[in-house]
C-alpha atoms as a PDB file:
ATOM      1  CA  MET A   1     -25.103 -53.025   2.312  1.00  0.00           C
ATOM      2  CA  ALA A   2     -24.456 -54.379   5.706  1.00  0.00           C
ATOM      3  CA  GLY A   3     -20.977 -54.155   7.094  1.00  0.00           C
ATOM      4  CA  GLN A   4     -20.011 -51.000   5.196  1.00  0.00           C
ATOM      5  CA  LYS A   5     -18.965 -48.007   7.243  1.00  0.00           C
ATOM      6  CA  LYS A   6     -19.790 -44.398   6.511  1.00  0.00           C
ATOM      7  CA  ILE A   7     -16.947 -42.252   5.231  1.00  0.00           C
ATOM      8  CA  SER A   8     -16.968 -40.237   8.456  1.00  0.00           C
ATOM      9  CA  GLU A   9     -16.322 -43.464  10.378  1.00  0.00           C
ATOM     10  CA  LYS A  10     -13.427 -44.450   8.090  1.00  0.00           C
ATOM     11  CA  VAL A  11     -11.594 -41.098   8.167  1.00  0.00           C
ATOM     12  CA  PRO A  12     -10.626 -39.928  11.644  1.00  0.00           C
ATOM     13  CA  SER A  13     -11.371 -36.351  12.640  1.00  0.00           C
ATOM     14  CA  LEU A  14      -8.500 -33.921  12.265  1.00  0.00           C
ATOM     15  CA  ASN A  15      -9.600 -31.885  15.268  1.00  0.00           C
ATOM     16  CA  GLY A  16      -7.009 -31.849  17.997  1.00  0.00           C
ATOM     17  CA  TRP A  17      -4.059 -32.354  15.643  1.00  0.00           C
ATOM     18  CA  GLY A  18      -1.434 -29.641  15.725  1.00  0.00           C
ATOM     19  CA  GLY A  19      -1.902 -26.803  13.287  1.00  0.00           C
ATOM     20  CA  VAL A  20      -5.464 -27.627  12.243  1.00  0.00           C
ATOM     21  CA  ARG A  21      -7.005 -24.863  14.332  1.00  0.00           C
ATOM     22  CA  SER A  22      -4.668 -22.251  12.872  1.00  0.00           C
ATOM     23  CA  VAL A  23      -5.553 -23.398   9.346  1.00  0.00           C
ATOM     24  CA  GLN A  24      -9.261 -23.265  10.204  1.00  0.00           C
ATOM     25  CA  ARG A  25      -8.861 -19.741  11.611  1.00  0.00           C
ATOM     26  CA  ARG A  26      -6.994 -18.629   8.492  1.00  0.00           C
ATOM     27  CA  LEU A  27      -9.754 -19.992   6.276  1.00  0.00           C
ATOM     28  CA  GLU A  28     -12.379 -18.192   8.344  1.00  0.00           C
ATOM     29  CA  ARG A  29     -10.426 -14.921   8.104  1.00  0.00           C
ATOM     30  CA  SER A  30      -9.994 -15.406   4.361  1.00  0.00           C
ATOM     31  CA  ALA A  31     -13.742 -15.867   3.944  1.00  0.00           C
ATOM     32  CA  THR A  32     -14.341 -12.676   5.926  1.00  0.00           C
ATOM     33  CA  ILE A  33     -11.928 -10.747   3.723  1.00  0.00           C
ATOM     34  CA  VAL A  34     -13.506 -12.127   0.545  1.00  0.00           C
ATOM     35  CA  GLN A  35     -16.971 -11.139   1.767  1.00  0.00           C
ATOM     36  CA  ASN A  36     -15.726  -7.613   2.538  1.00  0.00           C
ATOM     37  CA  ARG A  37     -13.199  -7.184  -0.267  1.00  0.00           C
ATOM     38  CA  GLU A  38     -14.728  -3.946  -1.551  1.00  0.00           C
ATOM     39  CA  ALA A  39     -14.446  -2.340   1.885  1.00  0.00           C
ATOM     40  CA  VAL A  40     -10.868  -3.612   2.240  1.00  0.00           C
ATOM     41  CA  ALA A  41      -9.963  -2.264  -1.205  1.00  0.00           C
ATOM     42  CA  TYR A  42     -11.567   1.103  -0.404  1.00  0.00           C
ATOM     43  CA  GLN A  43      -9.604   1.483   2.821  1.00  0.00           C
ATOM     44  CA  LEU A  44      -6.320   0.493   1.160  1.00  0.00           C
ATOM     45  CA  LEU A  45      -6.931   2.975  -1.659  1.00  0.00           C
ATOM     46  CA  ALA A  46      -7.842   5.664   0.868  1.00  0.00           C
ATOM     47  CA  MET A  47      -4.585   5.073   2.763  1.00  0.00           C
ATOM     48  CA  ALA A  48      -2.604   5.136  -0.486  1.00  0.00           C
ATOM     49  CA  ASN A  49      -4.182   8.423  -1.626  1.00  0.00           C
ATOM     50  CA  MET A  50      -3.771  10.293   1.667  1.00  0.00           C
ATOM     51  CA  LYS A  51      -1.559  13.372   1.612  1.00  0.00           C
ATOM     52  CA  ILE A  52       0.147  14.744   4.717  1.00  0.00           C
ATOM     53  CA  THR A  53      -1.604  18.074   4.067  1.00  0.00           C
ATOM     54  CA  ASP A  54      -4.909  16.289   4.690  1.00  0.00           C
ATOM     55  CA  ILE A  55      -3.864  16.002   8.336  1.00  0.00           C
ATOM     56  CA  MET A  56      -1.592  18.961   9.021  1.00  0.00           C
ATOM     57  CA  ASP A  57      -0.339  22.190   7.543  1.00  0.00           C
ATOM     58  CA  TRP A  58       2.565  24.524   8.217  1.00  0.00           C
ATOM     59  CA  ASP A  59       3.466  28.118   7.584  1.00  0.00           C
ATOM     60  CA  ASP A  60       6.561  29.731   6.076  1.00  0.00           C
ATOM     61  CA  GLU A  61       8.315  29.812   9.470  1.00  0.00           C
ATOM     62  CA  GLY A  62       7.932  26.036   9.843  1.00  0.00           C
ATOM     63  CA  ASN A  63       5.204  26.126  12.496  1.00  0.00           C
ATOM     64  CA  VAL A  64       3.272  22.867  12.180  1.00  0.00           C
ATOM     65  CA  ARG A  65      -0.392  22.672  13.080  1.00  0.00           C
ATOM     66  CA  VAL A  66      -2.478  19.501  13.134  1.00  0.00           C
ATOM     67  CA  LYS A  67      -5.948  20.059  11.754  1.00  0.00           C
ATOM     68  CA  ALA A  68      -8.988  19.568  13.945  1.00  0.00           C
ATOM     69  CA  ALA A  69     -10.407  16.057  13.616  1.00  0.00           C
ATOM     70  CA  SER A  70     -13.573  17.482  12.024  1.00  0.00           C
ATOM     71  CA  ARG A  71     -11.437  19.034   9.221  1.00  0.00           C
ATOM     72  CA  ILE A  72      -9.526  15.839   8.403  1.00  0.00           C
ATOM     73  CA  PRO A  73     -11.149  13.962   5.493  1.00  0.00           C
ATOM     74  CA  GLN A  74     -12.427  10.464   6.249  1.00  0.00           C
ATOM     75  CA  HIS A  75      -9.997   8.827   3.799  1.00  0.00           C
ATOM     76  CA  ALA A  76      -7.040  10.403   5.639  1.00  0.00           C
ATOM     77  CA  LEU A  77      -8.250   9.076   8.981  1.00  0.00           C
ATOM     78  CA  TYR A  78      -7.784   5.514   7.667  1.00  0.00           C
ATOM     79  CA  ALA A  79      -4.064   6.213   7.245  1.00  0.00           C
ATOM     80  CA  ILE A  80      -3.511   7.137  10.916  1.00  0.00           C
ATOM     81  CA  LYS A  81      -2.025   4.221  12.816  1.00  0.00           C
ATOM     82  CA  ASN A  82      -1.437   5.796  16.222  1.00  0.00           C
ATOM     83  CA  VAL A  83      -1.817   9.126  18.034  1.00  0.00           C
ATOM     84  CA  LYS A  84       0.114   9.816  21.232  1.00  0.00           C
ATOM     85  CA  VAL A  85      -0.109  12.992  23.310  1.00  0.00           C
ATOM     86  CA  THR A  86       2.368  13.567  26.144  1.00  0.00           C
ATOM     87  CA  LYS A  87       2.450  16.464  28.579  1.00  0.00           C
ATOM     88  CA  ASN A  88       5.711  18.351  28.864  1.00  0.00           C
ATOM     89  CA  LYS A  89       7.199  19.639  32.128  1.00  0.00           C
ATOM     90  CA  ASP A  90       6.558  23.214  31.003  1.00  0.00           C
ATOM     91  CA  GLY A  91       2.814  22.514  30.663  1.00  0.00           C
ATOM     92  CA  GLY A  92       2.830  22.142  26.875  1.00  0.00           C
ATOM     93  CA  GLN A  93       1.958  19.045  24.929  1.00  0.00           C
ATOM     94  CA  THR A  94       3.773  16.946  22.376  1.00  0.00           C
ATOM     95  CA  LEU A  95       1.776  15.161  19.716  1.00  0.00           C
ATOM     96  CA  GLU A  96       3.149  12.087  17.963  1.00  0.00           C
ATOM     97  CA  LEU A  97       1.263  10.984  14.891  1.00  0.00           C
ATOM     98  CA  GLU A  98       2.132   7.639  13.293  1.00  0.00           C
ATOM     99  CA  LEU A  99       0.834   6.750   9.839  1.00  0.00           C
ATOM    100  CA  PHE A 100       0.627   3.362   8.161  1.00  0.00           C
ATOM    101  CA  ASP A 101       3.522   2.612   5.802  1.00  0.00           C
ATOM    102  CA  LYS A 102       2.392   4.014   2.450  1.00  0.00           C
ATOM    103  CA  VAL A 103       4.956   2.048   0.442  1.00  0.00           C
ATOM    104  CA  GLN A 104       3.729  -1.189   1.997  1.00  0.00           C
ATOM    105  CA  VAL A 105       0.109  -0.267   1.207  1.00  0.00           C
ATOM    106  CA  LEU A 106       1.043   0.550  -2.400  1.00  0.00           C
ATOM    107  CA  ARG A 107       2.966  -2.722  -2.687  1.00  0.00           C
ATOM    108  CA  LEU A 108      -0.070  -4.643  -1.404  1.00  0.00           C
ATOM    109  CA  LEU A 109      -2.354  -2.866  -3.888  1.00  0.00           C
ATOM    110  CA  ALA A 110       0.068  -3.526  -6.754  1.00  0.00           C
ATOM    111  CA  LYS A 111       0.261  -7.204  -5.837  1.00  0.00           C
ATOM    112  CA  ALA A 112      -3.516  -7.518  -5.514  1.00  0.00           C
ATOM    113  CA  SER A 113      -4.053  -5.866  -8.896  1.00  0.00           C
ATOM    114  CA  GLY A 114      -1.490  -8.093 -10.617  1.00  0.00           C
ATOM    115  CA  LEU A 115       1.084  -5.397 -11.331  1.00  0.00           C
ATOM    116  CA  LEU A 116       3.822  -7.448  -9.662  1.00  0.00           C
ATOM    117  CA  ASP A 117       3.007 -10.726 -11.433  1.00  0.00           C
ATOM    118  CA  ALA A 118       5.586 -12.151 -13.805  1.00  0.00           C
ATOM    119  CA  PRO A 119       4.555 -11.807 -17.435  1.00  0.00           C
ATOM    120  CA  GLU A 120       3.291 -14.974 -19.071  1.00  0.00           C
ATOM    121  CA  ASP A 121       5.361 -16.760 -21.702  1.00  0.00           C
ATOM    122  CA  ASN A 122       2.982 -15.858 -24.522  1.00  0.00           C
ATOM    123  CA  GLU A 123       3.705 -12.164 -23.958  1.00  0.00           C
ATOM    124  CA  LYS A 124       7.414 -12.530 -24.657  1.00  0.00           C
ATOM    125  CA  PRO A 125       8.651 -11.128 -27.959  1.00  0.00           C
ATOM    126  CA  SER A 126       9.264 -13.602 -30.719  1.00  0.00           C
ATOM    127  CA  VAL A 127      12.792 -14.288 -31.861  1.00  0.00           C
ATOM    128  CA  ILE A 128      13.242 -14.524 -35.612  1.00  0.00           C
ATOM    129  CA  ASP A 129      16.286 -16.176 -37.126  1.00  0.00           C
ATOM    130  CA  VAL A 130      17.663 -14.117 -39.988  1.00  0.00           C
ATOM    131  CA  ASN A 131      20.470 -15.311 -42.207  1.00  0.00           C
ATOM    132  CA  VAL A 132      22.269 -12.595 -44.103  1.00  0.00           C
ATOM    133  CA  VAL A 133      24.112 -13.671 -47.207  1.00  0.00           C
ATOM    134  CA  ALA A 134      26.473 -11.258 -48.873  1.00  0.00           C
ATOM    135  CA  PRO A 135      26.054 -10.919 -52.628  1.00  0.00           C
ATOM    136  CA  ARG A 136      28.677 -12.670 -54.676  1.00  0.00           C
ATOM    137  CA  GLY A 137      30.866 -10.503 -56.717  1.00  0.00           C
ATOM    138  CA  GLU A 138      31.452 -11.293 -60.362  1.00  0.00           C
ATOM    139  CA  THR A 139      34.783 -12.800 -61.153  1.00  0.00           C
END
């Protein structure tokens, strides 16, 4: 078969064309997520099931106290997005605690589980045509 070229010689490489690298990176990230989907699902479920009382508690006077890190359950730690401590002029400290958006996490879980999918046509109720005929009176 002289004179025939290999397929790789016929089709030019796509490397260097705009957008190809970003698609390749997305595919690599997707493969990583698929390989670790159980861990991803666990962390999303942990964030969705976290309660604020897992991280802090307060008394009847409204005094808020953040629990020591050793007393915060592991699943609640996944829900913490950012912690910021600033020193006040009076020597005290202010703690800012930012959590991941729980509604967004629940929406992502619902979408992944198929709860937000449109129902298929075969699940729609059937429509039956009924003709009602009044009885004829005797004349």
